[in-house]
Protein backbone atom coordinates (compact mmCIF):
# COMPACT_ATOMS: atom_id res chain seq x y z
CA MET A 1 125.72 224.38 153.49
CA SER A 2 126.22 222.71 156.84
CA ASP A 3 128.38 219.62 157.23
CA LYS A 4 125.23 217.56 157.93
CA ALA A 5 123.58 218.77 154.74
CA LYS A 6 126.74 217.98 152.76
CA ILE A 7 126.82 214.44 154.13
CA ILE A 8 123.12 213.90 153.29
CA ALA A 9 123.64 215.27 149.79
CA MET A 10 126.64 212.98 149.30
CA TYR A 11 124.64 209.87 150.36
CA VAL A 12 121.69 210.87 148.21
CA GLY A 13 123.98 211.41 145.24
CA THR A 14 125.60 208.02 145.81
CA VAL A 15 122.20 206.28 145.95
CA VAL A 16 121.02 208.03 142.78
CA LEU A 17 124.22 207.09 140.99
CA ALA A 18 123.89 203.49 142.12
CA VAL A 19 120.30 203.33 140.89
CA VAL A 20 121.32 204.80 137.53
CA LEU A 21 124.19 202.34 137.19
CA VAL A 22 121.99 199.35 138.07
CA ALA A 23 119.31 200.46 135.61
CA THR A 24 121.92 200.99 132.90
CA PHE A 25 123.54 197.60 133.43
CA THR A 26 120.10 195.94 133.50
CA TRP A 27 119.14 197.59 130.24
CA LEU A 28 122.47 196.64 128.64
CA ARG A 29 122.10 193.02 129.80
CA LYS A 30 118.56 192.74 128.42
CA ALA A 31 119.63 194.34 125.16
CA GLN A 32 122.47 191.84 124.89
CA GLU A 33 120.13 188.93 125.64
CA ALA A 34 117.72 190.20 122.99
CA ARG A 35 120.55 190.42 120.43
CA GLU A 36 121.74 186.91 121.31
CA LYS A 37 118.21 185.52 121.06
CA LYS A 38 117.69 187.18 117.69
CA ALA A 39 121.02 185.84 116.47
CA MET A 40 120.05 182.35 117.61
CA ASP A 41 116.61 182.61 116.00
CA ASP A 42 118.14 183.83 112.76
CA ARG A 43 120.73 181.08 112.81
CA ILE A 44 118.09 178.43 113.40
CA ALA A 45 115.94 179.84 110.62
CA VAL A 46 118.88 179.85 108.22
CA ASP A 47 120.00 176.35 109.18
CA VAL A 48 116.70 174.50 109.08
CA GLY A 49 114.09 176.68 107.42
CA ARG A 50 112.93 176.14 103.87
CA ALA A 51 111.30 178.56 101.47
CA GLU A 52 108.83 176.01 100.13
CA LYS A 53 106.54 173.50 101.83
CA MET A 54 107.99 170.01 101.66
CA GLU A 55 105.69 167.10 100.89
CA MET A 56 105.44 164.42 103.60
CA LEU A 57 104.61 161.72 101.04
CA ARG A 58 102.93 161.26 97.70
CA LEU A 59 100.41 158.48 97.11
CA GLU A 60 101.69 156.39 94.23
CA ASN A 61 99.13 153.57 94.32
CA ASP A 62 95.35 153.78 94.20
CA LEU A 63 92.74 152.48 96.61
CA ILE A 64 89.46 151.05 95.36
CA ALA A 65 86.75 150.81 98.03
CA THR A 66 82.99 151.10 98.60
CA ASN A 67 81.37 154.25 99.95
CA GLN A 68 78.26 154.71 102.10
CA ALA A 69 76.03 154.65 99.02
CA GLY A 70 77.37 151.27 97.93
CA GLU A 71 79.31 152.84 95.06
CA THR A 72 82.76 151.67 94.05
CA VAL A 73 85.12 154.65 94.25
CA MET A 74 88.82 155.28 93.77
CA LEU A 75 91.01 157.70 95.72
CA SER A 76 92.59 158.74 92.44
CA ALA A 77 89.29 160.48 91.65
CA LEU A 78 90.43 163.08 94.22
CA LYS A 79 93.79 163.79 92.57
CA ASP A 80 92.69 167.29 91.56
CA LYS A 81 91.12 168.09 94.94
CA VAL A 82 92.27 168.98 98.44
CA TRP A 83 91.10 166.32 100.86
CA ILE A 84 91.51 165.16 104.43
CA ALA A 85 91.75 161.51 105.44
CA ALA A 86 91.13 159.71 108.73
CA GLN A 87 90.60 156.20 110.04
CA PHE A 88 87.52 155.27 112.06
CA PHE A 89 85.06 152.53 112.94
CA ALA A 90 81.43 153.06 113.81
CA GLU A 91 81.64 151.61 117.33
CA CYS A 92 84.80 153.53 118.30
CA PRO A 93 83.97 155.90 121.20
CA HIS A 94 86.96 158.11 120.36
CA CYS A 95 85.95 158.37 116.70
CA ALA A 96 82.48 159.47 117.74
CA SER A 97 84.06 162.38 119.57
CA ARG A 98 86.64 163.25 116.92
CA ASN A 99 84.38 162.85 113.90
CA GLY A 100 81.38 164.49 115.52
CA ASP A 101 83.43 167.48 116.61
CA HIS A 102 86.80 167.96 114.93
CA LEU A 103 86.10 166.60 111.45
CA VAL A 104 82.64 168.11 111.26
CA LYS A 105 84.15 171.48 112.18
CA LEU A 106 86.63 171.25 109.31
CA TYR A 107 83.94 169.93 107.00
CA GLN A 108 81.55 172.78 107.78
CA LYS A 109 84.32 175.29 107.17
CA TYR A 110 85.17 174.05 103.67
CA LYS A 111 82.24 171.98 102.43
CA ASP A 112 81.02 174.67 100.02
CA ASN A 113 84.36 174.66 98.20
CA PRO A 114 84.03 172.25 95.25
CA ASP A 115 87.75 171.41 95.53
CA PHE A 116 87.45 170.06 99.09
CA HIS A 117 86.65 166.49 100.17
CA VAL A 118 86.74 164.29 103.30
CA VAL A 119 87.58 160.57 103.36
CA CYS A 120 87.08 158.27 106.38
CA VAL A 121 88.33 154.69 106.01
CA SER A 122 86.88 152.02 108.29
CA VAL A 123 89.35 149.81 110.17
CA ASP A 124 86.46 147.42 111.01
CA PRO A 125 84.89 146.86 107.58
CA ASP A 126 83.58 143.42 108.55
CA ILE A 127 81.09 145.22 110.79
CA ASP A 128 80.94 148.58 109.01
CA ASP A 129 78.90 147.55 105.99
CA VAL A 130 77.24 149.98 103.58
CA GLU A 131 74.08 150.25 105.64
CA ARG A 132 75.98 151.11 108.80
CA LEU A 133 78.18 153.63 107.00
CA GLN A 134 75.13 155.30 105.50
CA GLN A 135 73.57 155.72 108.93
CA TYR A 136 76.86 157.02 110.33
CA ALA A 137 77.14 159.57 107.54
CA GLU A 138 73.55 160.71 108.02
CA ASN A 139 74.16 161.25 111.74
CA LEU A 140 76.99 163.63 110.86
CA ASN A 141 75.07 165.33 108.03
CA ALA A 142 77.85 164.27 105.68
CA ASP A 143 77.00 164.81 102.02
CA LEU A 144 78.02 161.94 99.75
CA LYS A 145 79.36 164.34 97.14
CA ASN A 146 82.18 165.55 99.41
CA TRP A 147 82.48 163.13 102.34
CA TRP A 148 83.09 159.43 101.80
CA PHE A 149 82.98 156.70 104.43
CA LEU A 150 84.76 153.72 102.93
CA THR A 151 84.57 149.98 103.51
CA GLY A 152 86.07 146.95 101.78
CA PRO A 153 88.28 143.93 102.54
CA ARG A 154 89.82 144.50 105.96
CA GLU A 155 93.38 143.43 105.15
CA LYS A 156 93.38 145.54 102.00
CA LEU A 157 92.23 148.68 103.81
CA HIS A 158 94.62 148.19 106.73
CA ARG A 159 97.56 147.58 104.41
CA TYR A 160 96.83 150.64 102.29
CA MET A 161 96.53 152.97 105.28
CA GLU A 162 99.73 151.61 106.79
CA ASP A 163 101.91 151.14 103.72
CA GLU A 164 100.72 153.95 101.46
CA MET A 165 99.45 156.63 103.85
CA LYS A 166 101.92 155.70 106.63
CA PHE A 167 99.27 155.68 109.33
CA LEU A 168 100.11 153.72 112.49
CA ALA A 169 99.37 150.01 112.35
CA VAL A 170 95.88 148.93 113.41
CA ARG A 171 95.86 146.63 116.45
CA GLU A 172 93.05 144.44 117.76
CA ARG A 173 92.40 144.64 121.49
CA LEU A 174 91.95 141.29 123.23
CA LYS A 175 90.85 142.08 126.77
CA GLU A 176 87.11 142.43 127.14
CA GLU A 177 87.40 145.34 129.59
CA ASP A 178 89.60 147.23 127.11
CA ILE A 179 87.18 146.51 124.27
CA ALA A 180 84.23 147.72 126.35
CA ARG A 181 86.03 150.94 127.21
CA GLU A 182 88.01 151.71 124.04
CA GLY A 183 86.46 149.64 121.25
CA ARG A 184 87.94 146.58 119.55
CA TRP A 185 90.44 148.34 117.33
CA ALA A 186 93.33 150.60 118.37
CA HIS A 187 94.16 152.82 115.42
CA ASP A 188 95.74 156.07 114.34
CA MET A 189 93.52 159.03 115.27
CA GLY A 190 95.39 161.47 113.06
CA VAL A 191 93.86 163.65 110.35
CA ALA A 192 95.94 163.98 107.19
CA VAL A 193 95.68 166.80 104.65
CA PHE A 194 96.33 165.93 101.00
CA SER A 195 96.83 168.57 98.33
CA LYS A 196 96.26 168.24 94.61
CA GLY A 197 98.48 165.54 93.19
CA MET A 198 97.79 163.20 96.15
CA ILE A 199 100.52 164.84 98.26
CA MET A 200 100.26 164.71 102.07
CA ARG A 201 100.97 168.18 103.45
CA GLU A 202 100.11 167.81 107.13
CA LYS A 203 98.96 165.22 109.67
CA LYS A 204 97.87 165.93 113.23
CA ASP A 205 95.94 164.10 115.94
CA LEU A 206 93.21 166.51 117.07
CA PHE A 207 91.81 163.99 119.55
CA PHE A 208 95.17 163.80 121.34
CA ALA A 209 95.54 167.57 121.16
CA ARG A 210 92.14 168.12 122.79
CA GLU A 211 93.20 165.91 125.71
CA GLN A 212 96.31 168.07 126.20
CA GLY A 213 94.34 171.31 126.47
CA ASP A 214 92.91 174.16 124.46
CA GLU A 215 96.28 175.66 123.56
CA MET A 216 97.62 172.54 121.87
CA TYR A 217 94.27 171.86 120.20
CA ALA A 218 94.19 175.36 118.74
CA HIS A 219 97.78 174.95 117.54
CA PHE A 220 97.11 171.59 115.84
CA GLU A 221 93.86 172.82 114.34
CA GLY A 222 95.69 175.87 113.02
CA LEU A 223 98.29 173.69 111.34
CA LEU A 224 95.60 171.61 109.63
CA THR A 225 93.51 174.57 108.50
CA GLY A 226 96.65 176.37 107.38
CA ALA A 227 97.63 173.38 105.24
CA ILE A 228 94.12 173.21 103.77
CA GLU A 229 94.03 176.93 103.02
CA LYS A 230 97.44 176.84 101.35
CA ALA A 231 96.58 173.76 99.31
CA LEU A 232 93.28 175.26 98.13
CA ALA A 233 95.13 178.42 97.07
CA GLU A 234 97.67 176.53 94.97
């Protein structure tokens, strides 16, 4: 082999060795990162994970209200059912979107299960009388047997949703431009899932999630449906 060929072979060998070393170190670094990530994930799971689903709250007191048929009903009648709860008022533009889309979607998915129920409590019961609630329910094709729209004394309903269900406080808007755009009442847009025994298992704001994008909406919806599925299976 000529001196030139030996020099070329030496350079080629050096380059190949360098490539092998770089690839090896890269693989070792990634393997180490993967081990560290797994160790961190395992540590987090051990530190904060729980084997059983914790209850967020349990309703201790009952609510007596009037549904869209003018019947007096009690939430305690649902103690052996899985049900979802939400606030609304008939003139709320956001509720029209949430109820007409998100709640109806959940309702359609589970309405044939006799253990499932939906409850919507008006935050504007002075305006949302029985006649208005009945029309609202009909527009959503909500069956009285498994979807209640409730009205009653305003202070009583507000206090129950805030103190018992821990929904955000209802606030009355004062500026006419805000009322025209958002409706008179600012209220919690969350949807809560209750399991048998009146235990809240999950609560998520699907209206907010939709505004953040499809990924967050799908995640929130998955959490709600997962909680419903698990509660129905219990």
